[in-house]
PDB file of N, CA and C in Angstrom:
ATOM      1  N   MET A   1     159.063  55.075  14.911  1.00  0.00           N
ATOM      2  CA  MET A   1     157.780  54.870  15.554  1.00  0.00           C
ATOM      3  C   MET A   1     156.861  56.033  15.173  1.00  0.00           C
ATOM      4  N   THR A   2     155.585  55.725  15.011  1.00  0.00           N
ATOM      5  CA  THR A   2     154.605  56.755  14.687  1.00  0.00           C
ATOM      6  C   THR A   2     153.508  56.767  15.744  1.00  0.00           C
ATOM      7  N   ALA A   3     152.833  57.877  15.824  1.00  0.00           N
ATOM      8  CA  ALA A   3     151.665  58.006  16.693  1.00  0.00           C
ATOM      9  C   ALA A   3     150.460  58.224  15.791  1.00  0.00           C
ATOM     10  N   LEU A   4     149.614  57.251  15.698  1.00  0.00           N
ATOM     11  CA  LEU A   4     148.440  57.368  14.847  1.00  0.00           C
ATOM     12  C   LEU A   4     147.377  58.234  15.504  1.00  0.00           C
ATOM     13  N   ILE A   5     146.804  59.091  14.724  1.00  0.00           N
ATOM     14  CA  ILE A   5     145.688  59.921  15.169  1.00  0.00           C
ATOM     15  C   ILE A   5     144.515  59.578  14.263  1.00  0.00           C
ATOM     16  N   TYR A   6     143.484  59.010  14.816  1.00  0.00           N
ATOM     17  CA  TYR A   6     142.331  58.593  14.025  1.00  0.00           C
ATOM     18  C   TYR A   6     141.313  59.731  13.968  1.00  0.00           C
ATOM     19  N   ILE A   7     140.926  60.064  12.762  1.00  0.00           N
ATOM     20  CA  ILE A   7     139.954  61.129  12.536  1.00  0.00           C
ATOM     21  C   ILE A   7     138.827  60.561  11.678  1.00  0.00           C
ATOM     22  N   ASP A   8     137.614  60.810  12.083  1.00  0.00           N
ATOM     23  CA  ASP A   8     136.447  60.329  11.348  1.00  0.00           C
ATOM     24  C   ASP A   8     135.988  61.401  10.364  1.00  0.00           C
ATOM     25  N   PRO A   9     136.152  61.181   9.053  1.00  0.00           N
ATOM     26  CA  PRO A   9     135.748  62.201   8.071  1.00  0.00           C
ATOM     27  C   PRO A   9     134.265  62.559   8.134  1.00  0.00           C
ATOM     28  N   THR A  10     133.425  61.630   8.628  1.00  0.00           N
ATOM     29  CA  THR A  10     131.995  61.940   8.710  1.00  0.00           C
ATOM     30  C   THR A  10     131.682  62.911   9.841  1.00  0.00           C
ATOM     31  N   ALA A  11     132.637  63.120  10.744  1.00  0.00           N
ATOM     32  CA  ALA A  11     132.423  64.039  11.865  1.00  0.00           C
ATOM     33  C   ALA A  11     132.978  65.429  11.586  1.00  0.00           C
ATOM     34  N   ILE A  12     133.459  65.660  10.385  1.00  0.00           N
ATOM     35  CA  ILE A  12     134.024  66.963  10.032  1.00  0.00           C
ATOM     36  C   ILE A  12     132.908  67.882   9.551  1.00  0.00           C
ATOM     37  N   HIS A  13     132.822  69.059  10.150  1.00  0.00           N
ATOM     38  CA  HIS A  13     131.822  70.055   9.770  1.00  0.00           C
ATOM     39  C   HIS A  13     132.545  71.354   9.402  1.00  0.00           C
ATOM     40  N   PRO A  14     132.862  71.544   8.121  1.00  0.00           N
ATOM     41  CA  PRO A  14     133.583  72.759   7.708  1.00  0.00           C
ATOM     42  C   PRO A  14     132.790  74.021   8.032  1.00  0.00           C
ATOM     43  N   VAL A  15     133.497  75.066   8.419  1.00  0.00           N
ATOM     44  CA  VAL A  15     132.872  76.350   8.742  1.00  0.00           C
ATOM     45  C   VAL A  15     133.282  77.366   7.677  1.00  0.00           C
ATOM     46  N   ILE A  16     132.288  77.972   7.036  1.00  0.00           N
ATOM     47  CA  ILE A  16     132.516  79.012   6.029  1.00  0.00           C
ATOM     48  C   ILE A  16     131.771  80.257   6.489  1.00  0.00           C
ATOM     49  N   ASP A  17     132.496  81.339   6.690  1.00  0.00           N
ATOM     50  CA  ASP A  17     131.887  82.617   7.098  1.00  0.00           C
ATOM     51  C   ASP A  17     130.950  82.452   8.288  1.00  0.00           C
ATOM     52  N   GLY A  18     131.379  81.695   9.300  1.00  0.00           N
ATOM     53  CA  GLY A  18     130.591  81.560  10.522  1.00  0.00           C
ATOM     54  C   GLY A  18     129.436  80.571  10.441  1.00  0.00           C
ATOM     55  N   VAL A  19     129.331  79.816   9.346  1.00  0.00           N
ATOM     56  CA  VAL A  19     128.253  78.839   9.187  1.00  0.00           C
ATOM     57  C   VAL A  19     128.885  77.463   9.018  1.00  0.00           C
ATOM     58  N   TRP A  20     128.467  76.479   9.851  1.00  0.00           N
ATOM     59  CA  TRP A  20     129.018  75.139   9.699  1.00  0.00           C
ATOM     60  C   TRP A  20     128.139  74.330   8.778  1.00  0.00           C
ATOM     61  N   HIS A  21     128.827  73.536   7.966  1.00  0.00           N
ATOM     62  CA  HIS A  21     128.182  72.770   6.907  1.00  0.00           C
ATOM     63  C   HIS A  21     128.401  71.278   7.106  1.00  0.00           C
ATOM     64  N   ARG A  22     127.712  70.499   6.310  1.00  0.00           N
ATOM     65  CA  ARG A  22     127.930  69.061   6.235  1.00  0.00           C
ATOM     66  C   ARG A  22     128.460  68.744   4.849  1.00  0.00           C
ATOM     67  N   THR A  23     129.283  67.715   4.777  1.00  0.00           N
ATOM     68  CA  THR A  23     129.846  67.275   3.509  1.00  0.00           C
ATOM     69  C   THR A  23     130.004  65.771   3.551  1.00  0.00           C
ATOM     70  N   THR A  24     130.303  65.163   2.432  1.00  0.00           N
ATOM     71  CA  THR A  24     130.465  63.708   2.379  1.00  0.00           C
ATOM     72  C   THR A  24     131.922  63.379   2.075  1.00  0.00           C
ATOM     73  N   LEU A  25     132.778  63.650   3.024  1.00  0.00           N
ATOM     74  CA  LEU A  25     134.194  63.346   2.864  1.00  0.00           C
ATOM     75  C   LEU A  25     134.434  61.863   3.100  1.00  0.00           C
ATOM     76  N   THR A  26     135.313  61.277   2.283  1.00  0.00           N
ATOM     77  CA  THR A  26     135.712  59.889   2.493  1.00  0.00           C
ATOM     78  C   THR A  26     137.146  59.813   3.008  1.00  0.00           C
ATOM     79  N   ALA A  27     137.831  60.948   2.982  1.00  0.00           N
ATOM     80  CA  ALA A  27     139.204  61.044   3.481  1.00  0.00           C
ATOM     81  C   ALA A  27     139.423  62.466   3.976  1.00  0.00           C
ATOM     82  N   ILE A  28     140.467  62.659   4.727  1.00  0.00           N
ATOM     83  CA  ILE A  28     140.800  63.989   5.233  1.00  0.00           C
ATOM     84  C   ILE A  28     141.421  64.783   4.082  1.00  0.00           C
ATOM     85  N   PRO A  29     140.848  65.926   3.732  1.00  0.00           N
ATOM     86  CA  PRO A  29     141.419  66.709   2.635  1.00  0.00           C
ATOM     87  C   PRO A  29     142.737  67.358   3.045  1.00  0.00           C
ATOM     88  N   ALA A  30     143.588  67.567   2.083  1.00  0.00           N
ATOM     89  CA  ALA A  30     144.834  68.292   2.331  1.00  0.00           C
ATOM     90  C   ALA A  30     144.528  69.783   2.365  1.00  0.00           C
ATOM     91  N   PRO A  31     145.297  70.574   3.098  1.00  0.00           N
ATOM     92  CA  PRO A  31     145.075  72.026   3.089  1.00  0.00           C
ATOM     93  C   PRO A  31     145.088  72.553   1.651  1.00  0.00           C
ATOM     94  N   GLY A  32     144.086  73.337   1.336  1.00  0.00           N
ATOM     95  CA  GLY A  32     143.958  73.902  -0.004  1.00  0.00           C
ATOM     96  C   GLY A  32     143.093  73.087  -0.945  1.00  0.00           C
ATOM     97  N   ASP A  33     142.817  71.817  -0.612  1.00  0.00           N
ATOM     98  CA  ASP A  33     141.932  71.005  -1.451  1.00  0.00           C
ATOM     99  C   ASP A  33     140.531  71.604  -1.443  1.00  0.00           C
ATOM    100  N   GLY A  34     139.874  71.600  -2.566  1.00  0.00           N
ATOM    101  CA  GLY A  34     138.496  72.063  -2.649  1.00  0.00           C
ATOM    102  C   GLY A  34     137.548  71.014  -2.115  1.00  0.00           C
ATOM    103  N   ILE A  35     136.579  71.452  -1.334  1.00  0.00           N
ATOM    104  CA  ILE A  35     135.538  70.549  -0.841  1.00  0.00           C
ATOM    105  C   ILE A  35     134.190  71.194  -1.111  1.00  0.00           C
ATOM    106  N   THR A  36     133.204  70.343  -1.384  1.00  0.00           N
ATOM    107  CA  THR A  36     131.858  70.821  -1.676  1.00  0.00           C
ATOM    108  C   THR A  36     130.922  70.337  -0.586  1.00  0.00           C
ATOM    109  N   MET A  37     130.122  71.252  -0.090  1.00  0.00           N
ATOM    110  CA  MET A  37     129.189  70.952   0.994  1.00  0.00           C
ATOM    111  C   MET A  37     127.893  70.379   0.413  1.00  0.00           C
ATOM    112  N   LEU A  38     127.044  69.812   1.256  1.00  0.00           N
ATOM    113  CA  LEU A  38     125.782  69.253   0.797  1.00  0.00           C
ATOM    114  C   LEU A  38     124.879  70.310   0.163  1.00  0.00           C
ATOM    115  N   CYS A  39     125.041  71.551   0.566  1.00  0.00           N
ATOM    116  CA  CYS A  39     124.227  72.637   0.027  1.00  0.00           C
ATOM    117  C   CYS A  39     124.744  73.142  -1.323  1.00  0.00           C
ATOM    118  N   GLY A  40     125.927  72.673  -1.733  1.00  0.00           N
ATOM    119  CA  GLY A  40     126.508  73.117  -2.993  1.00  0.00           C
ATOM    120  C   GLY A  40     127.608  74.144  -2.848  1.00  0.00           C
ATOM    121  N   GLU A  41     127.755  74.717  -1.673  1.00  0.00           N
ATOM    122  CA  GLU A  41     128.825  75.682  -1.404  1.00  0.00           C
ATOM    123  C   GLU A  41     130.168  74.966  -1.490  1.00  0.00           C
ATOM    124  N   SER A  42     131.167  75.626  -2.053  1.00  0.00           N
ATOM    125  CA  SER A  42     132.511  75.040  -2.148  1.00  0.00           C
ATOM    126  C   SER A  42     133.527  75.977  -1.530  1.00  0.00           C
ATOM    127  N   ALA A  43     134.597  75.387  -0.993  1.00  0.00           N
ATOM    128  CA  ALA A  43     135.668  76.179  -0.392  1.00  0.00           C
ATOM    129  C   ALA A  43     136.916  75.314  -0.298  1.00  0.00           C
ATOM    130  N   ALA A  44     138.043  75.964  -0.071  1.00  0.00           N
ATOM    131  CA  ALA A  44     139.303  75.254   0.111  1.00  0.00           C
ATOM    132  C   ALA A  44     139.449  74.856   1.582  1.00  0.00           C
ATOM    133  N   ALA A  45     139.960  73.662   1.808  1.00  0.00           N
ATOM    134  CA  ALA A  45     140.159  73.161   3.175  1.00  0.00           C
ATOM    135  C   ALA A  45     141.279  73.927   3.873  1.00  0.00           C
ATOM    136  N   GLU A  46     141.052  74.209   5.131  1.00  0.00           N
ATOM    137  CA  GLU A  46     142.035  74.869   5.989  1.00  0.00           C
ATOM    138  C   GLU A  46     141.834  74.284   7.378  1.00  0.00           C
ATOM    139  N   PHE A  47     142.886  74.203   8.150  1.00  0.00           N
ATOM    140  CA  PHE A  47     142.796  73.573   9.461  1.00  0.00           C
ATOM    141  C   PHE A  47     143.280  74.517  10.559  1.00  0.00           C
ATOM    142  N   GLU A  48     142.578  74.475  11.697  1.00  0.00           N
ATOM    143  CA  GLU A  48     142.955  75.215  12.898  1.00  0.00           C
ATOM    144  C   GLU A  48     142.606  74.351  14.094  1.00  0.00           C
ATOM    145  N   PRO A  49     143.210  74.603  15.240  1.00  0.00           N
ATOM    146  CA  PRO A  49     142.836  73.855  16.450  1.00  0.00           C
ATOM    147  C   PRO A  49     141.373  74.114  16.815  1.00  0.00           C
ATOM    148  N   LEU A  50     140.734  73.122  17.411  1.00  0.00           N
ATOM    149  CA  LEU A  50     139.326  73.236  17.785  1.00  0.00           C
ATOM    150  C   LEU A  50     139.054  74.450  18.664  1.00  0.00           C
ATOM    151  N   LYS A  51     140.010  74.825  19.514  1.00  0.00           N
ATOM    152  CA  LYS A  51     139.775  75.972  20.403  1.00  0.00           C
ATOM    153  C   LYS A  51     139.572  77.278  19.626  1.00  0.00           C
ATOM    154  N   GLN A  52     139.942  77.314  18.364  1.00  0.00           N
ATOM    155  CA  GLN A  52     139.747  78.509  17.527  1.00  0.00           C
ATOM    156  C   GLN A  52     138.346  78.580  16.932  1.00  0.00           C
ATOM    157  N   ARG A  53     137.568  77.516  17.081  1.00  0.00           N
ATOM    158  CA  ARG A  53     136.259  77.430  16.408  1.00  0.00           C
ATOM    159  C   ARG A  53     135.346  78.604  16.746  1.00  0.00           C
ATOM    160  N   THR A  54     135.407  79.097  17.964  1.00  0.00           N
ATOM    161  CA  THR A  54     134.518  80.196  18.355  1.00  0.00           C
ATOM    162  C   THR A  54     135.242  81.539  18.420  1.00  0.00           C
ATOM    163  N   ALA A  55     136.442  81.616  17.893  1.00  0.00           N
ATOM    164  CA  ALA A  55     137.221  82.856  17.962  1.00  0.00           C
ATOM    165  C   ALA A  55     136.532  84.029  17.268  1.00  0.00           C
ATOM    166  N   HIS A  56     135.696  83.742  16.284  1.00  0.00           N
ATOM    167  CA  HIS A  56     135.004  84.806  15.539  1.00  0.00           C
ATOM    168  C   HIS A  56     133.494  84.710  15.741  1.00  0.00           C
ATOM    169  N   GLY A  57     133.083  84.183  16.878  1.00  0.00           N
ATOM    170  CA  GLY A  57     131.672  83.985  17.159  1.00  0.00           C
ATOM    171  C   GLY A  57     131.321  82.512  17.024  1.00  0.00           C
ATOM    172  N   VAL A  58     130.190  82.135  17.539  1.00  0.00           N
ATOM    173  CA  VAL A  58     129.750  80.748  17.494  1.00  0.00           C
ATOM    174  C   VAL A  58     129.157  80.462  16.119  1.00  0.00           C
ATOM    175  N   PRO A  59     129.662  79.425  15.433  1.00  0.00           N
ATOM    176  CA  PRO A  59     129.111  79.105  14.110  1.00  0.00           C
ATOM    177  C   PRO A  59     127.655  78.657  14.213  1.00  0.00           C
ATOM    178  N   THR A  60     126.904  78.948  13.181  1.00  0.00           N
ATOM    179  CA  THR A  60     125.519  78.489  13.084  1.00  0.00           C
ATOM    180  C   THR A  60     125.447  77.389  12.030  1.00  0.00           C
ATOM    181  N   GLN A  61     124.410  76.604  12.069  1.00  0.00           N
ATOM    182  CA  GLN A  61     124.259  75.489  11.134  1.00  0.00           C
ATOM    183  C   GLN A  61     123.667  75.956   9.813  1.00  0.00           C
ATOM    184  N   CYS A  62     124.182  75.426   8.704  1.00  0.00           N
ATOM    185  CA  CYS A  62     123.614  75.707   7.383  1.00  0.00           C
ATOM    186  C   CYS A  62     122.291  74.944   7.258  1.00  0.00           C
ATOM    187  N   PRO A  63     121.185  75.652   7.097  1.00  0.00           N
ATOM    188  CA  PRO A  63     119.899  74.956   7.022  1.00  0.00           C
ATOM    189  C   PRO A  63     119.763  74.116   5.753  1.00  0.00           C
ATOM    190  N   TYR A  64     120.452  74.484   4.687  1.00  0.00           N
ATOM    191  CA  TYR A  64     120.355  73.751   3.423  1.00  0.00           C
ATOM    192  C   TYR A  64     121.117  72.425   3.502  1.00  0.00           C
ATOM    193  N   CYS A  65     122.264  72.434   4.171  1.00  0.00           N
ATOM    194  CA  CYS A  65     122.987  71.181   4.423  1.00  0.00           C
ATOM    195  C   CYS A  65     122.154  70.277   5.319  1.00  0.00           C
ATOM    196  N   ASP A  66     121.486  70.856   6.313  1.00  0.00           N
ATOM    197  CA  ASP A  66     120.683  70.070   7.240  1.00  0.00           C
ATOM    198  C   ASP A  66     119.542  69.363   6.509  1.00  0.00           C
ATOM    199  N   VAL A  67     118.887  70.062   5.588  1.00  0.00           N
ATOM    200  CA  VAL A  67     117.798  69.447   4.817  1.00  0.00           C
ATOM    201  C   VAL A  67     118.341  68.301   3.963  1.00  0.00           C
ATOM    202  N   ALA A  68     119.456  68.519   3.286  1.00  0.00           N
ATOM    203  CA  ALA A  68     120.048  67.466   2.453  1.00  0.00           C
ATOM    204  C   ALA A  68     120.437  66.259   3.301  1.00  0.00           C
ATOM    205  N   TYR A  69     121.001  66.509   4.470  1.00  0.00           N
ATOM    206  CA  TYR A  69     121.412  65.444   5.387  1.00  0.00           C
ATOM    207  C   TYR A  69     120.194  64.651   5.867  1.00  0.00           C
ATOM    208  N   ARG A  70     119.158  65.358   6.280  1.00  0.00           N
ATOM    209  CA  ARG A  70     117.940  64.694   6.754  1.00  0.00           C
ATOM    210  C   ARG A  70     117.304  63.854   5.646  1.00  0.00           C
ATOM    211  N   ARG A  71     117.268  64.399   4.436  1.00  0.00           N
ATOM    212  CA  ARG A  71     116.687  63.653   3.315  1.00  0.00           C
ATOM    213  C   ARG A  71     117.488  62.383   3.042  1.00  0.00           C
ATOM    214  N   ALA A  72     118.808  62.483   3.078  1.00  0.00           N
ATOM    215  CA  ALA A  72     119.669  61.329   2.805  1.00  0.00           C
ATOM    216  C   ALA A  72     119.448  60.211   3.829  1.00  0.00           C
ATOM    217  N   LEU A  73     119.125  60.580   5.057  1.00  0.00           N
ATOM    218  CA  LEU A  73     118.901  59.593   6.111  1.00  0.00           C
ATOM    219  C   LEU A  73     117.439  59.169   6.227  1.00  0.00           C
ATOM    220  N   GLY A  74     116.565  59.815   5.456  1.00  0.00           N
ATOM    221  CA  GLY A  74     115.136  59.496   5.524  1.00  0.00           C
ATOM    222  C   GLY A  74     114.443  60.073   6.735  1.00  0.00           C
ATOM    223  N   TRP A  75     115.045  61.063   7.339  1.00  0.00           N
ATOM    224  CA  TRP A  75     114.444  61.707   8.510  1.00  0.00           C
ATOM    225  C   TRP A  75     113.374  62.697   8.074  1.00  0.00           C
ATOM    226  N   SER A  76     112.424  62.933   8.962  1.00  0.00           N
ATOM    227  CA  SER A  76     111.389  63.921   8.662  1.00  0.00           C
ATOM    228  C   SER A  76     111.976  65.328   8.740  1.00  0.00           C
ATOM    229  N   ILE A  77     111.367  66.205   7.969  1.00  0.00           N
ATOM    230  CA  ILE A  77     111.784  67.611   7.944  1.00  0.00           C
ATOM    231  C   ILE A  77     110.546  68.438   8.288  1.00  0.00           C
ATOM    232  N   PRO A  78     110.626  69.224   9.352  1.00  0.00           N
ATOM    233  CA  PRO A  78     109.463  70.040   9.711  1.00  0.00           C
ATOM    234  C   PRO A  78     109.088  70.968   8.559  1.00  0.00           C
ATOM    235  N   PRO A  79     107.798  71.180   8.322  1.00  0.00           N
ATOM    236  CA  PRO A  79     107.370  72.015   7.199  1.00  0.00           C
ATOM    237  C   PRO A  79     107.860  73.462   7.283  1.00  0.00           C
ATOM    238  N   ASN A  80     108.190  73.923   8.475  1.00  0.00           N
ATOM    239  CA  ASN A  80     108.666  75.301   8.630  1.00  0.00           C
ATOM    240  C   ASN A  80     110.196  75.386   8.695  1.00  0.00           C
ATOM    241  N   HIS A  81     110.878  74.304   8.341  1.00  0.00           N
ATOM    242  CA  HIS A  81     112.350  74.284   8.381  1.00  0.00           C
ATOM    243  C   HIS A  81     112.895  75.362   7.439  1.00  0.00           C
ATOM    244  N   PRO A  82     113.825  76.196   7.914  1.00  0.00           N
ATOM    245  CA  PRO A  82     114.337  77.289   7.073  1.00  0.00           C
ATOM    246  C   PRO A  82     115.092  76.810   5.831  1.00  0.00           C
ATOM    247  N   GLY A  83     115.573  75.576   5.827  1.00  0.00           N
ATOM    248  CA  GLY A  83     116.296  75.055   4.672  1.00  0.00           C
ATOM    249  C   GLY A  83     115.397  74.652   3.522  1.00  0.00           C
ATOM    250  N   LEU A  84     114.078  74.618   3.749  1.00  0.00           N
ATOM    251  CA  LEU A  84     113.146  74.291   2.667  1.00  0.00           C
ATOM    252  C   LEU A  84     112.904  75.482   1.754  1.00  0.00           C
ATOM    253  N   HIS A  85     113.258  76.645   2.213  1.00  0.00           N
ATOM    254  CA  HIS A  85     113.076  77.860   1.429  1.00  0.00           C
ATOM    255  C   HIS A  85     114.430  78.225   0.847  1.00  0.00           C
ATOM    256  N   ARG A  86     114.673  77.791  -0.378  1.00  0.00           N
ATOM    257  CA  ARG A  86     115.995  77.928  -1.006  1.00  0.00           C
ATOM    258  C   ARG A  86     116.380  79.382  -1.124  1.00  0.00           C
ATOM    259  N   ARG A  87     117.629  79.658  -0.758  1.00  0.00           N
ATOM    260  CA  ARG A  87     118.150  81.012  -0.869  1.00  0.00           C
ATOM    261  C   ARG A  87     118.291  81.372  -2.342  1.00  0.00           C
ATOM    262  N   PRO A  88     118.103  82.630  -2.670  1.00  0.00           N
ATOM    263  CA  PRO A  88     118.246  83.033  -4.077  1.00  0.00           C
ATOM    264  C   PRO A  88     119.696  82.906  -4.529  1.00  0.00           C
ATOM    265  N   ARG A  89     119.877  82.540  -5.778  1.00  0.00           N
ATOM    266  CA  ARG A  89     121.214  82.446  -6.351  1.00  0.00           C
ATOM    267  C   ARG A  89     121.778  83.851  -6.536  1.00  0.00           C
ATOM    268  N   ALA A  90     123.072  83.962  -6.357  1.00  0.00           N
ATOM    269  CA  ALA A  90     123.723  85.254  -6.545  1.00  0.00           C
ATOM    270  C   ALA A  90     123.632  85.653  -8.013  1.00  0.00           C
ATOM    271  N   LEU A  91     123.325  86.892  -8.245  1.00  0.00           N
ATOM    272  CA  LEU A  91     123.268  87.397  -9.617  1.00  0.00           C
ATOM    273  C   LEU A  91     124.678  87.709 -10.102  1.00  0.00           C
ATOM    274  N   PRO A  92     124.923  87.503 -11.398  1.00  0.00           N
ATOM    275  CA  PRO A  92     126.265  87.845 -11.912  1.00  0.00           C
ATOM    276  C   PRO A  92     126.529  89.327 -11.750  1.00  0.00           C
ATOM    277  N   ARG A  93     127.772  89.655 -11.433  1.00  0.00           N
ATOM    278  CA  ARG A  93     128.157  91.047 -11.259  1.00  0.00           C
ATOM    279  C   ARG A  93     128.273  91.734 -12.612  1.00  0.00           C
ATOM    280  N   PRO A  94     127.766  92.942 -12.719  1.00  0.00           N
ATOM    281  CA  PRO A  94     127.913  93.675 -13.990  1.00  0.00           C
ATOM    282  C   PRO A  94     129.385  93.987 -14.250  1.00  0.00           C
ATOM    283  N   ARG A  95     129.767  93.964 -15.501  1.00  0.00           N
ATOM    284  CA  ARG A  95     131.163  94.251 -15.859  1.00  0.00           C
ATOM    285  C   ARG A  95     131.324  95.638 -16.399  1.00  0.00           C
TER     286      ARG A  95
END
C-alpha cells in the first residue's frame, strides 16, 4: 500500500540566498537537479520542511521573476516596479 502525496509544481517557489523565485516546473525535481528561475538564475534543487523556510530570515520576492510572471499572465506592471530596472550582470572575475 502507498500513501500518495500530491504536490503542485506551479506552487513551488525556490529560495536562493533568502530570495524566493518563480519557475515553470512541470514535475517535482529530484534533489540536485538544476532548475532555472524566470529571472534566469539557476540552482540545484534541495528540499527542507516548510517550517525551515524562515530559519535564516523571511525570504523576499525576486522582482525580476515577478515581472516575468506578470508579463506571462498579461497582468499590468506598475511603472515603478523594481523588476523593470534590470540588475547589472556580474563582471567576469580577473584571473
